[in-house]
Amino acid sequence: MSKTKSFFGEFKEFALKGNVVSMAVGVIIGGAFQSIVTSLLDNIINPVIGCFNVGGFNSLAIHVGSADLMVGQFIMDVINFLIMAFVVFMIVKAMNKAMSMGKKEEKPADPTTKVCPFCQSEIDIKATRCPHCTSQLDK
């Protein structure tokens, strides 16, 4: 029985981690956004491109023997992918900029070591004598 509890406990810990929840939200929003892009393609871009082809661009096909190669649909799917990729890139870029706006710039930490001018060993910054070559150091 304890193995069952630990398995479900581990699963609960995994499922409720921030990255998993964020990824799930991203997938859901991505699915909803895909329908917007598909509507944009089907209702605006396809008809404009279809003006150059009498049957509509999606129906453009190359007949090879008894097979039909749906070139128009493939081209529209590539355009759909490029639009989705561009919009996701812009969203991620905007999110990164928004996240960096709230962060304070961290100044570099003060050094805690220095190099001995005689033996080139790394020593504590407060040292007045090198522990390696025993040379007297200037402050």
N, C-alpha and C. Protein backbone atom coordinates (compact mmCIF):
# COMPACT_ATOMS: atom_id res chain seq x y z
N MET A 1 0.82 -1.20 0.00
CA MET A 1 0.00 0.00 0.00
C MET A 1 0.86 1.26 0.00
N SER A 2 2.01 1.21 0.64
CA SER A 2 2.87 2.38 0.69
C SER A 2 3.45 2.71 -0.68
N LYS A 3 3.68 1.69 -1.53
CA LYS A 3 4.15 1.96 -2.89
C LYS A 3 3.11 2.73 -3.69
N THR A 4 1.84 2.40 -3.49
CA THR A 4 0.76 3.09 -4.19
C THR A 4 0.71 4.54 -3.75
N LYS A 5 0.83 4.78 -2.47
CA LYS A 5 0.81 6.16 -1.98
C LYS A 5 2.00 6.93 -2.52
N SER A 6 3.16 6.32 -2.51
CA SER A 6 4.34 7.05 -2.98
C SER A 6 4.24 7.30 -4.49
N PHE A 7 3.68 6.35 -5.25
CA PHE A 7 3.52 6.54 -6.69
C PHE A 7 2.57 7.71 -6.96
N PHE A 8 1.41 7.71 -6.30
CA PHE A 8 0.46 8.80 -6.49
C PHE A 8 1.00 10.11 -5.94
N GLY A 9 1.74 10.05 -4.86
CA GLY A 9 2.37 11.25 -4.32
C GLY A 9 3.38 11.84 -5.29
N GLU A 10 4.19 10.96 -5.89
CA GLU A 10 5.17 11.42 -6.88
C GLU A 10 4.47 12.00 -8.11
N PHE A 11 3.39 11.32 -8.54
CA PHE A 11 2.66 11.82 -9.70
C PHE A 11 2.04 13.19 -9.41
N LYS A 12 1.47 13.35 -8.22
CA LYS A 12 0.87 14.63 -7.85
C LYS A 12 1.94 15.71 -7.82
N GLU A 13 3.10 15.41 -7.27
CA GLU A 13 4.18 16.38 -7.21
C GLU A 13 4.63 16.78 -8.62
N PHE A 14 4.73 15.78 -9.51
CA PHE A 14 5.12 16.04 -10.89
C PHE A 14 4.07 16.88 -11.61
N ALA A 15 2.81 16.50 -11.48
CA ALA A 15 1.73 17.16 -12.22
C ALA A 15 1.50 18.59 -11.76
N LEU A 16 1.82 18.89 -10.52
CA LEU A 16 1.56 20.23 -10.01
C LEU A 16 2.78 21.14 -10.04
N LYS A 17 3.87 20.68 -10.63
CA LYS A 17 5.03 21.56 -10.79
C LYS A 17 4.66 22.68 -11.74
N GLY A 18 5.29 23.81 -11.56
CA GLY A 18 4.97 24.98 -12.38
C GLY A 18 5.17 24.76 -13.86
N ASN A 19 6.24 24.06 -14.25
CA ASN A 19 6.52 23.88 -15.67
C ASN A 19 5.44 23.04 -16.35
N VAL A 20 4.94 22.01 -15.66
CA VAL A 20 3.94 21.13 -16.27
C VAL A 20 2.62 21.90 -16.45
N VAL A 21 2.24 22.66 -15.45
CA VAL A 21 1.00 23.43 -15.53
C VAL A 21 1.13 24.51 -16.61
N SER A 22 2.26 25.17 -16.68
CA SER A 22 2.47 26.19 -17.72
C SER A 22 2.42 25.58 -19.10
N MET A 23 3.01 24.40 -19.25
CA MET A 23 2.99 23.73 -20.54
C MET A 23 1.56 23.36 -20.94
N ALA A 24 0.77 22.88 -19.98
CA ALA A 24 -0.62 22.52 -20.27
C ALA A 24 -1.41 23.74 -20.71
N VAL A 25 -1.22 24.86 -20.02
CA VAL A 25 -1.92 26.09 -20.39
C VAL A 25 -1.48 26.53 -21.79
N GLY A 26 -0.19 26.40 -22.08
CA GLY A 26 0.32 26.77 -23.41
C GLY A 26 -0.28 25.92 -24.51
N VAL A 27 -0.45 24.63 -24.26
CA VAL A 27 -1.03 23.74 -25.27
C VAL A 27 -2.49 24.11 -25.52
N ILE A 28 -3.22 24.40 -24.46
CA ILE A 28 -4.64 24.77 -24.61
C ILE A 28 -4.78 26.09 -25.37
N ILE A 29 -3.98 27.08 -25.00
CA ILE A 29 -4.04 28.37 -25.68
C ILE A 29 -3.57 28.21 -27.13
N GLY A 30 -2.55 27.37 -27.35
CA GLY A 30 -2.08 27.12 -28.71
C GLY A 30 -3.15 26.50 -29.58
N GLY A 31 -3.92 25.56 -29.02
CA GLY A 31 -5.01 24.94 -29.77
C GLY A 31 -6.08 25.95 -30.14
N ALA A 32 -6.41 26.83 -29.20
CA ALA A 32 -7.40 27.87 -29.48
C ALA A 32 -6.87 28.86 -30.51
N PHE A 33 -5.59 29.18 -30.41
CA PHE A 33 -5.00 30.13 -31.35
C PHE A 33 -4.93 29.53 -32.75
N GLN A 34 -4.75 28.22 -32.83
CA GLN A 34 -4.69 27.57 -34.14
C GLN A 34 -5.99 27.77 -34.90
N SER A 35 -7.11 27.74 -34.20
CA SER A 35 -8.39 27.94 -34.89
C SER A 35 -8.49 29.36 -35.44
N ILE A 36 -7.91 30.33 -34.75
CA ILE A 36 -7.91 31.71 -35.25
C ILE A 36 -7.07 31.81 -36.52
N VAL A 37 -5.89 31.20 -36.51
CA VAL A 37 -5.03 31.25 -37.69
C VAL A 37 -5.67 30.49 -38.85
N THR A 38 -6.30 29.34 -38.57
CA THR A 38 -6.98 28.59 -39.61
C THR A 38 -8.11 29.41 -40.23
N SER A 39 -8.85 30.13 -39.40
CA SER A 39 -9.90 31.00 -39.90
C SER A 39 -9.32 32.12 -40.76
N LEU A 40 -8.22 32.69 -40.33
CA LEU A 40 -7.55 33.73 -41.11
C LEU A 40 -7.17 33.20 -42.48
N LEU A 41 -6.60 31.99 -42.50
CA LEU A 41 -6.20 31.40 -43.78
C LEU A 41 -7.41 31.08 -44.65
N ASP A 42 -8.41 30.40 -44.07
CA ASP A 42 -9.56 29.96 -44.86
C ASP A 42 -10.43 31.11 -45.35
N ASN A 43 -10.57 32.16 -44.55
CA ASN A 43 -11.51 33.22 -44.87
C ASN A 43 -10.90 34.47 -45.50
N ILE A 44 -9.60 34.65 -45.34
CA ILE A 44 -8.99 35.87 -45.87
C ILE A 44 -7.86 35.56 -46.85
N ILE A 45 -6.87 34.78 -46.43
CA ILE A 45 -5.68 34.56 -47.26
C ILE A 45 -5.99 33.64 -48.44
N ASN A 46 -6.66 32.52 -48.21
CA ASN A 46 -6.97 31.59 -49.30
C ASN A 46 -7.78 32.26 -50.42
N PRO A 47 -8.85 33.01 -50.09
CA PRO A 47 -9.59 33.65 -51.19
C PRO A 47 -8.74 34.64 -51.98
N VAL A 48 -7.84 35.36 -51.30
CA VAL A 48 -6.99 36.31 -52.03
C VAL A 48 -6.04 35.56 -52.95
N ILE A 49 -5.40 34.50 -52.44
CA ILE A 49 -4.50 33.71 -53.27
C ILE A 49 -5.29 32.95 -54.34
N GLY A 50 -6.50 32.52 -53.98
CA GLY A 50 -7.34 31.79 -54.92
C GLY A 50 -7.78 32.61 -56.13
N CYS A 51 -7.70 33.95 -56.03
CA CYS A 51 -8.04 34.79 -57.17
C CYS A 51 -7.17 34.48 -58.38
N PHE A 52 -5.95 33.98 -58.12
CA PHE A 52 -5.03 33.68 -59.21
C PHE A 52 -5.28 32.29 -59.80
N ASN A 53 -6.12 31.50 -59.13
CA ASN A 53 -6.42 30.14 -59.60
C ASN A 53 -7.94 30.00 -59.60
N VAL A 54 -8.52 29.53 -60.69
CA VAL A 54 -9.97 29.51 -60.84
C VAL A 54 -10.67 28.62 -59.84
N GLY A 55 -10.21 27.52 -59.42
CA GLY A 55 -10.94 26.64 -58.52
C GLY A 55 -10.65 26.89 -57.05
N GLY A 56 -9.93 27.90 -56.72
CA GLY A 56 -9.49 28.10 -55.35
C GLY A 56 -8.12 27.46 -55.19
N PHE A 57 -7.31 28.02 -54.36
CA PHE A 57 -5.93 27.55 -54.24
C PHE A 57 -5.83 26.17 -53.59
N ASN A 58 -6.74 25.87 -52.66
CA ASN A 58 -6.70 24.57 -51.98
C ASN A 58 -6.94 23.42 -52.94
N SER A 59 -7.67 23.66 -54.01
CA SER A 59 -7.99 22.57 -54.93
C SER A 59 -6.92 22.39 -56.02
N LEU A 60 -5.87 23.20 -55.97
CA LEU A 60 -4.80 23.07 -56.95
C LEU A 60 -4.11 21.72 -56.77
N ALA A 61 -4.09 20.92 -57.82
CA ALA A 61 -3.51 19.58 -57.73
C ALA A 61 -2.75 19.27 -59.01
N ILE A 62 -1.78 18.39 -58.87
CA ILE A 62 -1.04 17.89 -60.01
C ILE A 62 -1.45 16.43 -60.19
N HIS A 63 -1.88 16.07 -61.39
CA HIS A 63 -2.33 14.72 -61.66
C HIS A 63 -1.15 13.91 -62.20
N VAL A 64 -0.77 12.89 -61.47
CA VAL A 64 0.31 12.00 -61.89
C VAL A 64 -0.28 10.60 -61.98
N GLY A 65 -0.56 10.15 -63.18
CA GLY A 65 -1.21 8.86 -63.36
C GLY A 65 -2.60 8.91 -62.75
N SER A 66 -2.86 8.00 -61.83
CA SER A 66 -4.16 8.00 -61.16
C SER A 66 -4.13 8.74 -59.82
N ALA A 67 -2.97 9.28 -59.46
CA ALA A 67 -2.83 9.97 -58.17
C ALA A 67 -2.96 11.48 -58.36
N ASP A 68 -3.52 12.13 -57.36
CA ASP A 68 -3.61 13.58 -57.33
C ASP A 68 -2.72 14.11 -56.22
N LEU A 69 -1.74 14.92 -56.56
CA LEU A 69 -0.88 15.55 -55.57
C LEU A 69 -1.48 16.91 -55.23
N MET A 70 -1.95 17.06 -54.00
CA MET A 70 -2.64 18.28 -53.57
C MET A 70 -1.62 19.36 -53.20
N VAL A 71 -1.05 19.98 -54.20
CA VAL A 71 0.00 20.98 -54.01
C VAL A 71 -0.55 22.22 -53.33
N GLY A 72 -1.73 22.66 -53.72
CA GLY A 72 -2.32 23.86 -53.14
C GLY A 72 -2.55 23.72 -51.65
N GLN A 73 -3.08 22.59 -51.22
CA GLN A 73 -3.32 22.37 -49.79
C GLN A 73 -2.00 22.34 -49.03
N PHE A 74 -0.97 21.72 -49.62
CA PHE A 74 0.35 21.68 -48.97
C PHE A 74 0.91 23.09 -48.80
N ILE A 75 0.80 23.90 -49.83
CA ILE A 75 1.31 25.27 -49.74
C ILE A 75 0.54 26.04 -48.67
N MET A 76 -0.77 25.86 -48.58
CA MET A 76 -1.55 26.55 -47.55
C MET A 76 -1.16 26.07 -46.15
N ASP A 77 -0.86 24.77 -46.01
CA ASP A 77 -0.40 24.26 -44.72
C ASP A 77 0.95 24.85 -44.33
N VAL A 78 1.83 25.04 -45.30
CA VAL A 78 3.13 25.67 -45.03
C VAL A 78 2.92 27.12 -44.60
N ILE A 79 2.04 27.83 -45.29
CA ILE A 79 1.74 29.22 -44.91
C ILE A 79 1.14 29.25 -43.50
N ASN A 80 0.24 28.33 -43.19
CA ASN A 80 -0.35 28.22 -41.86
C ASN A 80 0.74 28.04 -40.81
N PHE A 81 1.69 27.14 -41.08
CA PHE A 81 2.78 26.90 -40.14
C PHE A 81 3.63 28.15 -39.95
N LEU A 82 3.96 28.84 -41.04
CA LEU A 82 4.80 30.04 -40.93
C LEU A 82 4.11 31.14 -40.14
N ILE A 83 2.81 31.30 -40.34
CA ILE A 83 2.07 32.31 -39.57
C ILE A 83 2.06 31.93 -38.10
N MET A 84 1.79 30.65 -37.79
CA MET A 84 1.77 30.20 -36.40
C MET A 84 3.14 30.40 -35.75
N ALA A 85 4.20 30.00 -36.46
CA ALA A 85 5.55 30.13 -35.91
C ALA A 85 5.90 31.59 -35.66
N PHE A 86 5.53 32.47 -36.58
CA PHE A 86 5.82 33.90 -36.42
C PHE A 86 5.08 34.48 -35.22
N VAL A 87 3.82 34.15 -35.09
CA VAL A 87 3.03 34.69 -33.98
C VAL A 87 3.53 34.15 -32.64
N VAL A 88 3.85 32.86 -32.58
CA VAL A 88 4.40 32.29 -31.34
C VAL A 88 5.72 32.96 -31.00
N PHE A 89 6.57 33.20 -32.00
CA PHE A 89 7.84 33.89 -31.78
C PHE A 89 7.59 35.29 -31.20
N MET A 90 6.63 36.01 -31.76
CA MET A 90 6.34 37.36 -31.28
C MET A 90 5.81 37.34 -29.85
N ILE A 91 4.96 36.35 -29.54
CA ILE A 91 4.42 36.24 -28.18
C ILE A 91 5.53 35.93 -27.18
N VAL A 92 6.41 34.99 -27.52
CA VAL A 92 7.51 34.64 -26.63
C VAL A 92 8.45 35.83 -26.46
N LYS A 93 8.71 36.53 -27.53
CA LYS A 93 9.58 37.71 -27.45
C LYS A 93 8.96 38.78 -26.53
N ALA A 94 7.66 39.01 -26.66
CA ALA A 94 6.98 39.99 -25.81
C ALA A 94 6.97 39.53 -24.35
N MET A 95 6.76 38.23 -24.13
CA MET A 95 6.75 37.71 -22.76
C MET A 95 8.14 37.86 -22.13
N ASN A 96 9.18 37.55 -22.87
CA ASN A 96 10.54 37.69 -22.34
C ASN A 96 10.85 39.13 -22.01
N LYS A 97 10.42 40.05 -22.85
CA LYS A 97 10.65 41.47 -22.58
C LYS A 97 9.88 41.91 -21.33
N ALA A 98 8.63 41.45 -21.20
CA ALA A 98 7.82 41.81 -20.04
C ALA A 98 8.43 41.23 -18.77
N MET A 99 8.94 40.00 -18.85
CA MET A 99 9.56 39.38 -17.67
C MET A 99 10.83 40.10 -17.26
N SER A 100 11.60 40.58 -18.24
CA SER A 100 12.86 41.24 -17.91
C SER A 100 12.64 42.66 -17.39
N MET A 101 11.50 43.27 -17.67
CA MET A 101 11.23 44.63 -17.21
C MET A 101 11.10 44.69 -15.69
N GLY A 102 10.56 43.65 -15.09
CA GLY A 102 10.35 43.65 -13.66
C GLY A 102 11.58 43.27 -12.85
N LYS A 103 12.58 42.73 -13.51
CA LYS A 103 13.77 42.28 -12.80
C LYS A 103 14.75 43.43 -12.63
N LYS A 104 15.39 43.46 -11.47
CA LYS A 104 16.44 44.43 -11.23
C LYS A 104 17.74 43.85 -11.76
N GLU A 105 18.58 44.73 -12.28
CA GLU A 105 19.88 44.28 -12.75
C GLU A 105 20.74 43.95 -11.55
N GLU A 106 21.29 42.75 -11.57
CA GLU A 106 22.16 42.34 -10.47
C GLU A 106 23.56 42.83 -10.74
N LYS A 107 24.13 43.50 -9.76
CA LYS A 107 25.51 43.93 -9.93
C LYS A 107 26.42 42.75 -9.62
N PRO A 108 27.56 42.69 -10.27
CA PRO A 108 28.45 41.58 -10.01
C PRO A 108 28.94 41.58 -8.57
N ALA A 109 29.13 40.40 -8.04
CA ALA A 109 29.58 40.26 -6.65
C ALA A 109 31.01 40.78 -6.53
N ASP A 110 31.31 41.33 -5.37
CA ASP A 110 32.66 41.80 -5.11
C ASP A 110 33.61 40.60 -5.13
N PRO A 111 34.81 40.79 -5.65
CA PRO A 111 35.75 39.67 -5.71
C PRO A 111 36.18 39.24 -4.30
N THR A 112 36.37 37.97 -4.13
CA THR A 112 36.82 37.43 -2.83
C THR A 112 38.25 36.92 -2.90
N THR A 113 38.81 36.89 -4.10
CA THR A 113 40.19 36.43 -4.26
C THR A 113 40.96 37.41 -5.14
N LYS A 114 42.28 37.27 -5.07
CA LYS A 114 43.17 38.04 -5.95
C LYS A 114 44.33 37.13 -6.35
N VAL A 115 45.14 37.59 -7.27
CA VAL A 115 46.27 36.81 -7.74
C VAL A 115 47.55 37.38 -7.16
N CYS A 116 48.38 36.49 -6.62
CA CYS A 116 49.68 36.90 -6.08
C CYS A 116 50.55 37.38 -7.24
N PRO A 117 51.14 38.59 -7.13
CA PRO A 117 51.95 39.11 -8.24
C PRO A 117 53.28 38.36 -8.41
N PHE A 118 53.67 37.58 -7.41
CA PHE A 118 54.95 36.87 -7.49
C PHE A 118 54.81 35.46 -8.05
N CYS A 119 53.87 34.68 -7.50
CA CYS A 119 53.74 33.28 -7.93
C CYS A 119 52.48 33.01 -8.76
N GLN A 120 51.66 34.02 -8.96
CA GLN A 120 50.43 33.94 -9.74
C GLN A 120 49.39 32.97 -9.18
N SER A 121 49.47 32.65 -7.90
CA SER A 121 48.48 31.80 -7.25
C SER A 121 47.28 32.62 -6.83
N GLU A 122 46.14 31.99 -6.78
CA GLU A 122 44.93 32.67 -6.33
C GLU A 122 44.88 32.60 -4.81
N ILE A 123 44.72 33.78 -4.20
CA ILE A 123 44.72 33.86 -2.74
C ILE A 123 43.55 34.71 -2.26
N ASP A 124 43.26 34.67 -0.98
CA ASP A 124 42.19 35.47 -0.39
C ASP A 124 42.49 36.95 -0.57
N ILE A 125 41.46 37.72 -0.81
CA ILE A 125 41.64 39.16 -1.08
C ILE A 125 42.19 39.92 0.14
N LYS A 126 41.97 39.41 1.33
CA LYS A 126 42.42 40.09 2.56
C LYS A 126 43.84 39.69 2.95
N ALA A 127 44.44 38.75 2.23
CA ALA A 127 45.76 38.26 2.60
C ALA A 127 46.82 39.35 2.47
N THR A 128 47.75 39.39 3.42
CA THR A 128 48.87 40.33 3.37
C THR A 128 50.17 39.60 3.04
N ARG A 129 50.12 38.26 3.11
CA ARG A 129 51.27 37.42 2.74
C ARG A 129 50.74 36.24 1.96
N CYS A 130 51.41 35.89 0.88
CA CYS A 130 50.98 34.78 0.03
C CYS A 130 51.24 33.46 0.76
N PRO A 131 50.23 32.60 0.91
CA PRO A 131 50.44 31.33 1.61
C PRO A 131 51.25 30.33 0.76
N HIS A 132 51.42 30.60 -0.53
CA HIS A 132 52.14 29.67 -1.40
C HIS A 132 53.63 30.01 -1.49
N CYS A 133 53.95 31.29 -1.72
CA CYS A 133 55.36 31.67 -1.88
C CYS A 133 55.87 32.52 -0.73
N THR A 134 55.01 32.82 0.21
CA THR A 134 55.28 33.62 1.43
C THR A 134 55.77 35.03 1.16
N SER A 135 55.50 35.54 -0.03
CA SER A 135 55.89 36.92 -0.34
C SER A 135 54.99 37.89 0.39
N GLN A 136 55.58 39.02 0.79
CA GLN A 136 54.82 40.10 1.42
C GLN A 136 54.05 40.82 0.32
N LEU A 137 52.73 41.01 0.56
CA LEU A 137 51.88 41.65 -0.45
C LEU A 137 51.52 43.06 -0.05
N ASP A 138 51.42 43.93 -1.05
CA ASP A 138 50.95 45.30 -0.80
C ASP A 138 49.44 45.24 -0.64
N LYS A 139 48.91 46.15 0.16
CA LYS A 139 47.46 46.17 0.34
C LYS A 139 46.78 46.87 -0.74
